[in-house]
Amino acid sequence: ISYKICTRSGNEEQFKDMVKRCNNVGVRIYVDAVVNHMCGAAGGSGTH
């Protein structure tokens, strides 16, 4: 719906904390980037 960092995995602050803590112990983070499309054409409208 947008490129805001906000999903059921957590918010942006939690994401930043994860990246920092993992990098600090030498474990890298790779993001699954969904950039070919947005939601389905039948997704309706609103704030869901």
ModelCIF file with pLDDT and N, C-alpha, C, O atoms, coordinates in Angstrom:
data_MODEL
#
_entry.id   MODEL 
#
_entity.id                         1 
_entity.type                       polymer 
_entity.pdbx_number_of_molecules   1 
#
_entity_poly.entity_id                      1 
_entity_poly.type                           'polypeptide(L)' 
_entity_poly.nstd_linkage                   no 
_entity_poly.nstd_monomer                   no 
_entity_poly.pdbx_seq_one_letter_code       ISYKICTRSGNEEQFKDMVKRCNNVGVRIYVDAVVNHMCGAAGGSGTH 
_entity_poly.pdbx_seq_one_letter_code_can   ISYKICTRSGNEEQFKDMVKRCNNVGVRIYVDAVVNHMCGAAGGSGTH 
_entity_poly.pdbx_strand_id                 A 
#
loop_
_entity_poly_seq.entity_id 
_entity_poly_seq.num 
_entity_poly_seq.mon_id 
_entity_poly_seq.hetero 
1 1  ILE n 
1 2  SER n 
1 3  TYR n 
1 4  LYS n 
1 5  ILE n 
1 6  CYS n 
1 7  THR n 
1 8  ARG n 
1 9  SER n 
1 10 GLY n 
1 11 ASN n 
1 12 GLU n 
1 13 GLU n 
1 14 GLN n 
1 15 PHE n 
1 16 LYS n 
1 17 ASP n 
1 18 MET n 
1 19 VAL n 
1 20 LYS n 
1 21 ARG n 
1 22 CYS n 
1 23 ASN n 
1 24 ASN n 
1 25 VAL n 
1 26 GLY n 
1 27 VAL n 
1 28 ARG n 
1 29 ILE n 
1 30 TYR n 
1 31 VAL n 
1 32 ASP n 
1 33 ALA n 
1 34 VAL n 
1 35 VAL n 
1 36 ASN n 
1 37 HIS n 
1 38 MET n 
1 39 CYS n 
1 40 GLY n 
1 41 ALA n 
1 42 ALA n 
1 43 GLY n 
1 44 GLY n 
1 45 SER n 
1 46 GLY n 
1 47 THR n 
1 48 HIS n 
#
_struct_asym.id          A 
_struct_asym.entity_id   1 
#
loop_
_ma_qa_metric.id 
_ma_qa_metric.mode 
_ma_qa_metric.name 
_ma_qa_metric.software_group_id 
_ma_qa_metric.type 
1 global pLDDT . pLDDT 
2 local  pLDDT . pLDDT 
#
_ma_qa_metric_global.metric_id      1 
_ma_qa_metric_global.metric_value   97.81 
_ma_qa_metric_global.model_id       1 
_ma_qa_metric_global.ordinal_id     1 
#
loop_
_ma_qa_metric_local.label_asym_id 
_ma_qa_metric_local.label_comp_id 
_ma_qa_metric_local.label_seq_id 
_ma_qa_metric_local.metric_id 
_ma_qa_metric_local.metric_value 
_ma_qa_metric_local.model_id 
_ma_qa_metric_local.ordinal_id 
A ILE 1  2 98.00 1 1  
A SER 2  2 98.00 1 2  
A TYR 3  2 98.00 1 3  
A LYS 4  2 98.00 1 4  
A ILE 5  2 98.00 1 5  
A CYS 6  2 98.00 1 6  
A THR 7  2 98.00 1 7  
A ARG 8  2 98.00 1 8  
A SER 9  2 98.00 1 9  
A GLY 10 2 98.00 1 10 
A ASN 11 2 98.00 1 11 
A GLU 12 2 98.00 1 12 
A GLU 13 2 98.00 1 13 
A GLN 14 2 98.00 1 14 
A PHE 15 2 99.00 1 15 
A LYS 16 2 98.00 1 16 
A ASP 17 2 98.00 1 17 
A MET 18 2 99.00 1 18 
A VAL 19 2 99.00 1 19 
A LYS 20 2 98.00 1 20 
A ARG 21 2 99.00 1 21 
A CYS 22 2 99.00 1 22 
A ASN 23 2 98.00 1 23 
A ASN 24 2 98.00 1 24 
A VAL 25 2 98.00 1 25 
A GLY 26 2 98.00 1 26 
A VAL 27 2 98.00 1 27 
A ARG 28 2 98.00 1 28 
A ILE 29 2 99.00 1 29 
A TYR 30 2 98.00 1 30 
A VAL 31 2 98.00 1 31 
A ASP 32 2 98.00 1 32 
A ALA 33 2 98.00 1 33 
A VAL 34 2 98.00 1 34 
A VAL 35 2 98.00 1 35 
A ASN 36 2 98.00 1 36 
A HIS 37 2 98.00 1 37 
A MET 38 2 98.00 1 38 
A CYS 39 2 98.00 1 39 
A GLY 40 2 97.00 1 40 
A ALA 41 2 96.00 1 41 
A ALA 42 2 95.00 1 42 
A GLY 43 2 95.00 1 43 
A GLY 44 2 96.00 1 44 
A SER 45 2 97.00 1 45 
A GLY 46 2 97.00 1 46 
A THR 47 2 97.00 1 47 
A HIS 48 2 97.00 1 48 
#
loop_
_atom_site.group_PDB 
_atom_site.id 
_atom_site.type_symbol 
_atom_site.label_atom_id 
_atom_site.label_alt_id 
_atom_site.label_comp_id 
_atom_site.label_asym_id 
_atom_site.label_entity_id 
_atom_site.label_seq_id 
_atom_site.pdbx_PDB_ins_code 
_atom_site.Cartn_x 
_atom_site.Cartn_y 
_atom_site.Cartn_z 
_atom_site.occupancy 
_atom_site.B_iso_or_equiv 
_atom_site.pdbx_formal_charge 
_atom_site.auth_seq_id 
_atom_site.auth_comp_id 
_atom_site.auth_asym_id 
_atom_site.auth_atom_id 
_atom_site.pdbx_PDB_model_num 
ATOM 1   N N  . ILE A 1 1  ? 0.837   -1.191  0.000   1.00 98.00 ? 1  ILE A N  1 
ATOM 2   C CA . ILE A 1 1  ? 0.000   0.000   0.000   1.00 98.00 ? 1  ILE A CA 1 
ATOM 3   C C  . ILE A 1 1  ? 0.878   1.250   0.000   1.00 98.00 ? 1  ILE A C  1 
ATOM 4   O O  . ILE A 1 1  ? 0.538   2.263   -0.611  1.00 98.00 ? 1  ILE A O  1 
ATOM 5   N N  . SER A 1 2  ? 2.005   1.160   0.692   1.00 98.00 ? 2  SER A N  1 
ATOM 6   C CA . SER A 1 2  ? 2.963   2.267   0.716   1.00 98.00 ? 2  SER A CA 1 
ATOM 7   C C  . SER A 1 2  ? 4.334   1.697   1.032   1.00 98.00 ? 2  SER A C  1 
ATOM 8   O O  . SER A 1 2  ? 4.504   0.484   1.158   1.00 98.00 ? 2  SER A O  1 
ATOM 9   N N  . TYR A 1 3  ? 5.313   2.588   1.158   1.00 98.00 ? 3  TYR A N  1 
ATOM 10  C CA . TYR A 1 3  ? 6.670   2.177   1.523   1.00 98.00 ? 3  TYR A CA 1 
ATOM 11  C C  . TYR A 1 3  ? 7.001   2.551   2.961   1.00 98.00 ? 3  TYR A C  1 
ATOM 12  O O  . TYR A 1 3  ? 8.172   2.617   3.333   1.00 98.00 ? 3  TYR A O  1 
ATOM 13  N N  . LYS A 1 4  ? 5.971   2.796   3.771   1.00 98.00 ? 4  LYS A N  1 
ATOM 14  C CA . LYS A 1 4  ? 6.182   2.985   5.209   1.00 98.00 ? 4  LYS A CA 1 
ATOM 15  C C  . LYS A 1 4  ? 6.600   1.657   5.839   1.00 98.00 ? 4  LYS A C  1 
ATOM 16  O O  . LYS A 1 4  ? 6.126   0.599   5.425   1.00 98.00 ? 4  LYS A O  1 
ATOM 17  N N  . ILE A 1 5  ? 7.482   1.707   6.832   1.00 98.00 ? 5  ILE A N  1 
ATOM 18  C CA . ILE A 1 5  ? 7.949   0.483   7.500   1.00 98.00 ? 5  ILE A CA 1 
ATOM 19  C C  . ILE A 1 5  ? 6.973   0.178   8.628   1.00 98.00 ? 5  ILE A C  1 
ATOM 20  O O  . ILE A 1 5  ? 7.096   0.689   9.741   1.00 98.00 ? 5  ILE A O  1 
ATOM 21  N N  . CYS A 1 6  ? 6.002   -0.669  8.308   1.00 98.00 ? 6  CYS A N  1 
ATOM 22  C CA . CYS A 1 6  ? 4.910   -0.892  9.256   1.00 98.00 ? 6  CYS A CA 1 
ATOM 23  C C  . CYS A 1 6  ? 4.129   -2.125  8.824   1.00 98.00 ? 6  CYS A C  1 
ATOM 24  O O  . CYS A 1 6  ? 3.302   -2.041  7.916   1.00 98.00 ? 6  CYS A O  1 
ATOM 25  N N  . THR A 1 7  ? 4.380   -3.281  9.466   1.00 98.00 ? 7  THR A N  1 
ATOM 26  C CA . THR A 1 7  ? 3.704   -4.530  9.128   1.00 98.00 ? 7  THR A CA 1 
ATOM 27  C C  . THR A 1 7  ? 3.430   -5.298  10.415  1.00 98.00 ? 7  THR A C  1 
ATOM 28  O O  . THR A 1 7  ? 3.702   -4.815  11.514  1.00 98.00 ? 7  THR A O  1 
ATOM 29  N N  . ARG A 1 8  ? 2.889   -6.503  10.260  1.00 98.00 ? 8  ARG A N  1 
ATOM 30  C CA . ARG A 1 8  ? 2.653   -7.316  11.454  1.00 98.00 ? 8  ARG A CA 1 
ATOM 31  C C  . ARG A 1 8  ? 3.953   -7.850  12.048  1.00 98.00 ? 8  ARG A C  1 
ATOM 32  O O  . ARG A 1 8  ? 3.939   -8.432  13.132  1.00 98.00 ? 8  ARG A O  1 
ATOM 33  N N  . SER A 1 9  ? 5.068   -7.661  11.358  1.00 98.00 ? 9  SER A N  1 
ATOM 34  C CA . SER A 1 9  ? 6.365   -8.001  11.953  1.00 98.00 ? 9  SER A CA 1 
ATOM 35  C C  . SER A 1 9  ? 6.867   -6.926  12.906  1.00 98.00 ? 9  SER A C  1 
ATOM 36  O O  . SER A 1 9  ? 7.746   -7.181  13.730  1.00 98.00 ? 9  SER A O  1 
ATOM 37  N N  . GLY A 1 10 ? 6.303   -5.708  12.793  1.00 98.00 ? 10 GLY A N  1 
ATOM 38  C CA . GLY A 1 10 ? 6.720   -4.633  13.681  1.00 98.00 ? 10 GLY A CA 1 
ATOM 39  C C  . GLY A 1 10 ? 6.767   -3.293  12.987  1.00 98.00 ? 10 GLY A C  1 
ATOM 40  O O  . GLY A 1 10 ? 6.552   -3.196  11.779  1.00 98.00 ? 10 GLY A O  1 
ATOM 41  N N  . ASN A 1 11 ? 7.049   -2.259  13.760  1.00 98.00 ? 11 ASN A N  1 
ATOM 42  C CA . ASN A 1 11 ? 7.110   -0.903  13.224  1.00 98.00 ? 11 ASN A CA 1 
ATOM 43  C C  . ASN A 1 11 ? 8.545   -0.519  12.867  1.00 98.00 ? 11 ASN A C  1 
ATOM 44  O O  . ASN A 1 11 ? 9.460   -1.336  12.969  1.00 98.00 ? 11 ASN A O  1 
ATOM 45  N N  . GLU A 1 12 ? 8.730   0.729   12.447  1.00 98.00 ? 12 GLU A N  1 
ATOM 46  C CA . GLU A 1 12 ? 10.049  1.145   11.979  1.00 98.00 ? 12 GLU A CA 1 
ATOM 47  C C  . GLU A 1 12 ? 11.092  1.142   13.084  1.00 98.00 ? 12 GLU A C  1 
ATOM 48  O O  . GLU A 1 12 ? 12.238  0.762   12.845  1.00 98.00 ? 12 GLU A O  1 
ATOM 49  N N  . GLU A 1 13 ? 10.726  1.553   14.274  1.00 98.00 ? 13 GLU A N  1 
ATOM 50  C CA . GLU A 1 13 ? 11.689  1.554   15.376  1.00 98.00 ? 13 GLU A CA 1 
ATOM 51  C C  . GLU A 1 13 ? 12.145  0.143   15.708  1.00 98.00 ? 13 GLU A C  1 
ATOM 52  O O  . GLU A 1 13 ? 13.325  -0.077  15.981  1.00 98.00 ? 13 GLU A O  1 
ATOM 53  N N  . GLN A 1 14 ? 11.233  -0.807  15.688  1.00 98.00 ? 14 GLN A N  1 
ATOM 54  C CA . GLN A 1 14 ? 11.602  -2.209  15.936  1.00 98.00 ? 14 GLN A CA 1 
ATOM 55  C C  . GLN A 1 14 ? 12.463  -2.743  14.801  1.00 98.00 ? 14 GLN A C  1 
ATOM 56  O O  . GLN A 1 14 ? 13.387  -3.522  15.034  1.00 98.00 ? 14 GLN A O  1 
ATOM 57  N N  . PHE A 1 15 ? 12.162  -2.325  13.570  1.00 99.00 ? 15 PHE A N  1 
ATOM 58  C CA . PHE A 1 15 ? 12.985  -2.735  12.431  1.00 99.00 ? 15 PHE A CA 1 
ATOM 59  C C  . PHE A 1 15 ? 14.408  -2.195  12.578  1.00 99.00 ? 15 PHE A C  1 
ATOM 60  O O  . PHE A 1 15 ? 15.376  -2.927  12.373  1.00 99.00 ? 15 PHE A O  1 
ATOM 61  N N  . LYS A 1 16 ? 14.533  -0.924  12.931  1.00 98.00 ? 16 LYS A N  1 
ATOM 62  C CA . LYS A 1 16 ? 15.857  -0.327  13.115  1.00 98.00 ? 16 LYS A CA 1 
ATOM 63  C C  . LYS A 1 16 ? 16.637  -1.031  14.220  1.00 98.00 ? 16 LYS A C  1 
ATOM 64  O O  . LYS A 1 16 ? 17.837  -1.270  14.088  1.00 98.00 ? 16 LYS A O  1 
ATOM 65  N N  . ASP A 1 17 ? 15.954  -1.357  15.297  1.00 98.00 ? 17 ASP A N  1 
ATOM 66  C CA . ASP A 1 17 ? 16.609  -2.052  16.411  1.00 98.00 ? 17 ASP A CA 1 
ATOM 67  C C  . ASP A 1 17 ? 17.113  -3.418  15.972  1.00 98.00 ? 17 ASP A C  1 
ATOM 68  O O  . ASP A 1 17 ? 18.219  -3.818  16.334  1.00 98.00 ? 17 ASP A O  1 
ATOM 69  N N  . MET A 1 18 ? 16.311  -4.133  15.197  1.00 99.00 ? 18 MET A N  1 
ATOM 70  C CA . MET A 1 18 ? 16.731  -5.436  14.678  1.00 99.00 ? 18 MET A CA 1 
ATOM 71  C C  . MET A 1 18 ? 17.968  -5.313  13.802  1.00 99.00 ? 18 MET A C  1 
ATOM 72  O O  . MET A 1 18 ? 18.931  -6.060  13.975  1.00 99.00 ? 18 MET A O  1 
ATOM 73  N N  . VAL A 1 19 ? 17.946  -4.378  12.866  1.00 99.00 ? 19 VAL A N  1 
ATOM 74  C CA . VAL A 1 19 ? 19.083  -4.217  11.952  1.00 99.00 ? 19 VAL A CA 1 
ATOM 75  C C  . VAL A 1 19 ? 20.349  -3.886  12.735  1.00 99.00 ? 19 VAL A C  1 
ATOM 76  O O  . VAL A 1 19 ? 21.413  -4.446  12.470  1.00 99.00 ? 19 VAL A O  1 
ATOM 77  N N  . LYS A 1 20 ? 20.236  -2.993  13.680  1.00 98.00 ? 20 LYS A N  1 
ATOM 78  C CA . LYS A 1 20 ? 21.394  -2.607  14.490  1.00 98.00 ? 20 LYS A CA 1 
ATOM 79  C C  . LYS A 1 20 ? 21.938  -3.782  15.286  1.00 98.00 ? 20 LYS A C  1 
ATOM 80  O O  . LYS A 1 20 ? 23.144  -4.034  15.279  1.00 98.00 ? 20 LYS A O  1 
ATOM 81  N N  . ARG A 1 21 ? 21.063  -4.499  15.967  1.00 99.00 ? 21 ARG A N  1 
ATOM 82  C CA . ARG A 1 21 ? 21.512  -5.606  16.818  1.00 99.00 ? 21 ARG A CA 1 
ATOM 83  C C  . ARG A 1 21 ? 22.098  -6.744  16.000  1.00 99.00 ? 21 ARG A C  1 
ATOM 84  O O  . ARG A 1 21 ? 23.090  -7.351  16.404  1.00 99.00 ? 21 ARG A O  1 
ATOM 85  N N  . CYS A 1 22 ? 21.500  -7.039  14.860  1.00 99.00 ? 22 CYS A N  1 
ATOM 86  C CA . CYS A 1 22 ? 22.036  -8.112  14.014  1.00 99.00 ? 22 CYS A CA 1 
ATOM 87  C C  . CYS A 1 22 ? 23.383  -7.705  13.413  1.00 99.00 ? 22 CYS A C  1 
ATOM 88  O O  . CYS A 1 22 ? 24.329  -8.493  13.424  1.00 99.00 ? 22 CYS A O  1 
ATOM 89  N N  . ASN A 1 23 ? 23.474  -6.486  12.893  1.00 98.00 ? 23 ASN A N  1 
ATOM 90  C CA . ASN A 1 23 ? 24.753  -6.027  12.349  1.00 98.00 ? 23 ASN A CA 1 
ATOM 91  C C  . ASN A 1 23 ? 25.849  -6.004  13.404  1.00 98.00 ? 23 ASN A C  1 
ATOM 92  O O  . ASN A 1 23 ? 27.005  -6.306  13.109  1.00 98.00 ? 23 ASN A O  1 
ATOM 93  N N  . ASN A 1 24 ? 25.493  -5.649  14.624  1.00 98.00 ? 24 ASN A N  1 
ATOM 94  C CA . ASN A 1 24 ? 26.499  -5.565  15.688  1.00 98.00 ? 24 ASN A CA 1 
ATOM 95  C C  . ASN A 1 24 ? 27.116  -6.918  16.021  1.00 98.00 ? 24 ASN A C  1 
ATOM 96  O O  . ASN A 1 24 ? 28.218  -6.975  16.567  1.00 98.00 ? 24 ASN A O  1 
ATOM 97  N N  . VAL A 1 25 ? 26.418  -8.012  15.697  1.00 98.00 ? 25 VAL A N  1 
ATOM 98  C CA . VAL A 1 25 ? 26.995  -9.344  15.924  1.00 98.00 ? 25 VAL A CA 1 
ATOM 99  C C  . VAL A 1 25 ? 27.376  -9.998  14.596  1.00 98.00 ? 25 VAL A C  1 
ATOM 100 O O  . VAL A 1 25 ? 27.612  -11.205 14.543  1.00 98.00 ? 25 VAL A O  1 
ATOM 101 N N  . GLY A 1 26 ? 27.436  -9.205  13.525  1.00 98.00 ? 26 GLY A N  1 
ATOM 102 C CA . GLY A 1 26 ? 27.939  -9.703  12.248  1.00 98.00 ? 26 GLY A CA 1 
ATOM 103 C C  . GLY A 1 26 ? 26.950  -10.505 11.438  1.00 98.00 ? 26 GLY A C  1 
ATOM 104 O O  . GLY A 1 26 ? 27.354  -11.282 10.573  1.00 98.00 ? 26 GLY A O  1 
ATOM 105 N N  . VAL A 1 27 ? 25.655  -10.340 11.694  1.00 98.00 ? 27 VAL A N  1 
ATOM 106 C CA . VAL A 1 27 ? 24.621  -11.016 10.911  1.00 98.00 ? 27 VAL A CA 1 
ATOM 107 C C  . VAL A 1 27 ? 23.908  -9.962  10.067  1.00 98.00 ? 27 VAL A C  1 
ATOM 108 O O  . VAL A 1 27 ? 23.348  -9.008  10.607  1.00 98.00 ? 27 VAL A O  1 
ATOM 109 N N  . ARG A 1 28 ? 23.926  -10.129 8.755   1.00 98.00 ? 28 ARG A N  1 
ATOM 110 C CA . ARG A 1 28 ? 23.400  -9.129  7.841   1.00 98.00 ? 28 ARG A CA 1 
ATOM 111 C C  . ARG A 1 28 ? 21.904  -9.326  7.589   1.00 98.00 ? 28 ARG A C  1 
ATOM 112 O O  . ARG A 1 28 ? 21.379  -10.431 7.731   1.00 98.00 ? 28 ARG A O  1 
ATOM 113 N N  . ILE A 1 29 ? 21.227  -8.238  7.214   1.00 99.00 ? 29 ILE A N  1 
ATOM 114 C CA . ILE A 1 29 ? 19.800  -8.264  6.933   1.00 99.00 ? 29 ILE A CA 1 
ATOM 115 C C  . ILE A 1 29 ? 19.567  -7.978  5.450   1.00 99.00 ? 29 ILE A C  1 
ATOM 116 O O  . ILE A 1 29 ? 20.082  -7.005  4.898   1.00 99.00 ? 29 ILE A O  1 
ATOM 117 N N  . TYR A 1 30 ? 18.769  -8.860  4.813   1.00 98.00 ? 30 TYR A N  1 
ATOM 118 C CA . TYR A 1 30 ? 18.392  -8.700  3.405   1.00 98.00 ? 30 TYR A CA 1 
ATOM 119 C C  . TYR A 1 30 ? 16.873  -8.573  3.337   1.00 98.00 ? 30 TYR A C  1 
ATOM 120 O O  . TYR A 1 30 ? 16.145  -9.427  3.844   1.00 98.00 ? 30 TYR A O  1 
ATOM 121 N N  . VAL A 1 31 ? 16.409  -7.513  2.713   1.00 98.00 ? 31 VAL A N  1 
ATOM 122 C CA . VAL A 1 31 ? 14.980  -7.221  2.652   1.00 98.00 ? 31 VAL A CA 1 
ATOM 123 C C  . VAL A 1 31 ? 14.361  -7.809  1.389   1.00 98.00 ? 31 VAL A C  1 
ATOM 124 O O  . VAL A 1 31 ? 14.913  -7.686  0.296   1.00 98.00 ? 31 VAL A O  1 
ATOM 125 N N  . ASP A 1 32 ? 13.220  -8.441  1.556   1.00 98.00 ? 32 ASP A N  1 
ATOM 126 C CA . ASP A 1 32 ? 12.427  -8.903  0.428   1.00 98.00 ? 32 ASP A CA 1 
ATOM 127 C C  . ASP A 1 32 ? 11.699  -7.682  -0.127  1.00 98.00 ? 32 ASP A C  1 
ATOM 128 O O  . ASP A 1 32 ? 10.727  -7.211  0.464   1.00 98.00 ? 32 ASP A O  1 
ATOM 129 N N  . ALA A 1 33 ? 12.168  -7.173  -1.257  1.00 98.00 ? 33 ALA A N  1 
ATOM 130 C CA . ALA A 1 33 ? 11.679  -5.912  -1.808  1.00 98.00 ? 33 ALA A CA 1 
ATOM 131 C C  . ALA A 1 33 ? 10.587  -6.169  -2.841  1.00 98.00 ? 33 ALA A C  1 
ATOM 132 O O  . ALA A 1 33 ? 10.847  -6.742  -3.899  1.00 98.00 ? 33 ALA A O  1 
ATOM 133 N N  . VAL A 1 34 ? 9.363   -5.742  -2.531  1.00 98.00 ? 34 VAL A N  1 
ATOM 134 C CA . VAL A 1 34 ? 8.217   -5.913  -3.428  1.00 98.00 ? 34 VAL A CA 1 
ATOM 135 C C  . VAL A 1 34 ? 8.001   -4.584  -4.148  1.00 98.00 ? 34 VAL A C  1 
ATOM 136 O O  . VAL A 1 34 ? 7.346   -3.685  -3.621  1.00 98.00 ? 34 VAL A O  1 
ATOM 137 N N  . VAL A 1 35 ? 8.554   -4.468  -5.350  1.00 98.00 ? 35 VAL A N  1 
ATOM 138 C CA . VAL A 1 35 ? 8.537   -3.189  -6.069  1.00 98.00 ? 35 VAL A CA 1 
ATOM 139 C C  . VAL A 1 35 ? 8.009   -3.312  -7.491  1.00 98.00 ? 35 VAL A C  1 
ATOM 140 O O  . VAL A 1 35 ? 7.991   -2.326  -8.228  1.00 98.00 ? 35 VAL A O  1 
ATOM 141 N N  . ASN A 1 36 ? 7.578   -4.506  -7.887  1.00 98.00 ? 36 ASN A N  1 
ATOM 142 C CA . ASN A 1 36 ? 6.990   -4.690  -9.214  1.00 98.00 ? 36 ASN A CA 1 
ATOM 143 C C  . ASN A 1 36 ? 5.573   -4.148  -9.288  1.00 98.00 ? 36 ASN A C  1 
ATOM 144 O O  . ASN A 1 36 ? 5.106   -3.778  -10.365 1.00 98.00 ? 36 ASN A O  1 
ATOM 145 N N  . HIS A 1 37 ? 4.883   -4.098  -8.150  1.00 98.00 ? 37 HIS A N  1 
ATOM 146 C CA . HIS A 1 37 ? 3.448   -3.845  -8.158  1.00 98.00 ? 37 HIS A CA 1 
ATOM 147 C C  . HIS A 1 37 ? 2.999   -3.262  -6.826  1.00 98.00 ? 37 HIS A C  1 
ATOM 148 O O  . HIS A 1 37 ? 3.778   -3.172  -5.877  1.00 98.00 ? 37 HIS A O  1 
ATOM 149 N N  . MET A 1 38 ? 1.745   -2.872  -6.771  1.00 98.00 ? 38 MET A N  1 
ATOM 150 C CA . MET A 1 38 ? 1.081   -2.525  -5.514  1.00 98.00 ? 38 MET A CA 1 
ATOM 151 C C  . MET A 1 38 ? 0.051   -3.625  -5.234  1.00 98.00 ? 38 MET A C  1 
ATOM 152 O O  . MET A 1 38 ? 0.224   -4.750  -5.702  1.00 98.00 ? 38 MET A O  1 
ATOM 153 N N  . CYS A 1 39 ? -0.997  -3.333  -4.495  1.00 98.00 ? 39 CYS A N  1 
ATOM 154 C CA . CYS A 1 39 ? -1.956  -4.372  -4.132  1.00 98.00 ? 39 CYS A CA 1 
ATOM 155 C C  . CYS A 1 39 ? -2.777  -4.793  -5.350  1.00 98.00 ? 39 CYS A C  1 
ATOM 156 O O  . CYS A 1 39 ? -2.595  -4.259  -6.444  1.00 98.00 ? 39 CYS A O  1 
ATOM 157 N N  . GLY A 1 40 ? -3.675  -5.744  -5.153  1.00 97.00 ? 40 GLY A N  1 
ATOM 158 C CA . GLY A 1 40 ? -4.500  -6.219  -6.247  1.00 97.00 ? 40 GLY A CA 1 
ATOM 159 C C  . GLY A 1 40 ? -5.521  -5.200  -6.704  1.00 97.00 ? 40 GLY A C  1 
ATOM 160 O O  . GLY A 1 40 ? -5.968  -4.357  -5.927  1.00 97.00 ? 40 GLY A O  1 
ATOM 161 N N  . ALA A 1 41 ? -5.890  -5.285  -7.979  1.00 96.00 ? 41 ALA A N  1 
ATOM 162 C CA . ALA A 1 41 ? -6.861  -4.354  -8.547  1.00 96.00 ? 41 ALA A CA 1 
ATOM 163 C C  . ALA A 1 41 ? -8.209  -4.455  -7.845  1.00 96.00 ? 41 ALA A C  1 
ATOM 164 O O  . ALA A 1 41 ? -8.993  -3.507  -7.864  1.00 96.00 ? 41 ALA A O  1 
ATOM 165 N N  . ALA A 1 42 ? -8.481  -5.602  -7.225  1.00 95.00 ? 42 ALA A N  1 
ATOM 166 C CA . ALA A 1 42 ? -9.742  -5.801  -6.513  1.00 95.00 ? 42 ALA A CA 1 
ATOM 167 C C  . ALA A 1 42 ? -9.617  -5.488  -5.025  1.00 95.00 ? 42 ALA A C  1 
ATOM 168 O O  . ALA A 1 42 ? -10.459 -5.895  -4.225  1.00 95.00 ? 42 ALA A O  1 
ATOM 169 N N  . GLY A 1 43 ? -8.578  -4.772  -4.666  1.00 95.00 ? 43 GLY A N  1 
ATOM 170 C CA . GLY A 1 43 ? -8.316  -4.498  -3.253  1.00 95.00 ? 43 GLY A CA 1 
ATOM 171 C C  . GLY A 1 43 ? -9.236  -3.482  -2.617  1.00 95.00 ? 43 GLY A C  1 
ATOM 172 O O  . GLY A 1 43 ? -9.179  -3.268  -1.406  1.00 95.00 ? 43 GLY A O  1 
ATOM 173 N N  . GLY A 1 44 ? -10.090 -2.847  -3.420  1.00 96.00 ? 44 GLY A N  1 
ATOM 174 C CA . GLY A 1 44 ? -11.036 -1.896  -2.873  1.00 96.00 ? 44 GLY A CA 1 
ATOM 175 C C  . GLY A 1 44 ? -10.390 -0.591  -2.471  1.00 96.00 ? 44 GLY A C  1 
ATOM 176 O O  . GLY A 1 44 ? -9.372  -0.191  -3.037  1.00 96.00 ? 44 GLY A O  1 
ATOM 177 N N  . SER A 1 45 ? -10.976 0.067   -1.503  1.00 97.00 ? 45 SER A N  1 
ATOM 178 C CA . SER A 1 45 ? -10.451 1.342   -1.038  1.00 97.00 ? 45 SER A CA 1 
ATOM 179 C C  . SER A 1 45 ? -10.683 1.459   0.454   1.00 97.00 ? 45 SER A C  1 
ATOM 180 O O  . SER A 1 45 ? -11.443 0.689   1.040   1.00 97.00 ? 45 SER A O  1 
ATOM 181 N N  . GLY A 1 46 ? -10.022 2.430   1.061   1.00 97.00 ? 46 GLY A N  1 
ATOM 182 C CA . GLY A 1 46 ? -10.194 2.647   2.486   1.00 97.00 ? 46 GLY A CA 1 
ATOM 183 C C  . GLY A 1 46 ? -8.866  2.714   3.196   1.00 97.00 ? 46 GLY A C  1 
ATOM 184 O O  . GLY A 1 46 ? -7.864  3.151   2.630   1.00 97.00 ? 46 GLY A O  1 
ATOM 185 N N  . THR A 1 47 ? -8.864  2.277   4.447   1.00 97.00 ? 47 THR A N  1 
ATOM 186 C CA . THR A 1 47 ? -7.641  2.312   5.274   1.00 97.00 ? 47 THR A CA 1 
ATOM 187 C C  . THR A 1 47 ? -7.340  0.944   5.865   1.00 97.00 ? 47 THR A C  1 
ATOM 188 O O  . THR A 1 47 ? -6.668  0.851   6.892   1.00 97.00 ? 47 THR A O  1 
ATOM 189 N N  . HIS A 1 48 ? -7.828  -0.126  5.230   1.00 97.00 ? 48 HIS A N  1 
ATOM 190 C CA . HIS A 1 48 ? -7.565  -1.474  5.742   1.00 97.00 ? 48 HIS A CA 1 
ATOM 191 C C  . HIS A 1 48 ? -6.158  -1.914  5.310   1.00 97.00 ? 48 HIS A C  1 
ATOM 192 O O  . HIS A 1 48 ? -5.730  -3.021  5.634   1.00 97.00 ? 48 HIS A O  1 
#
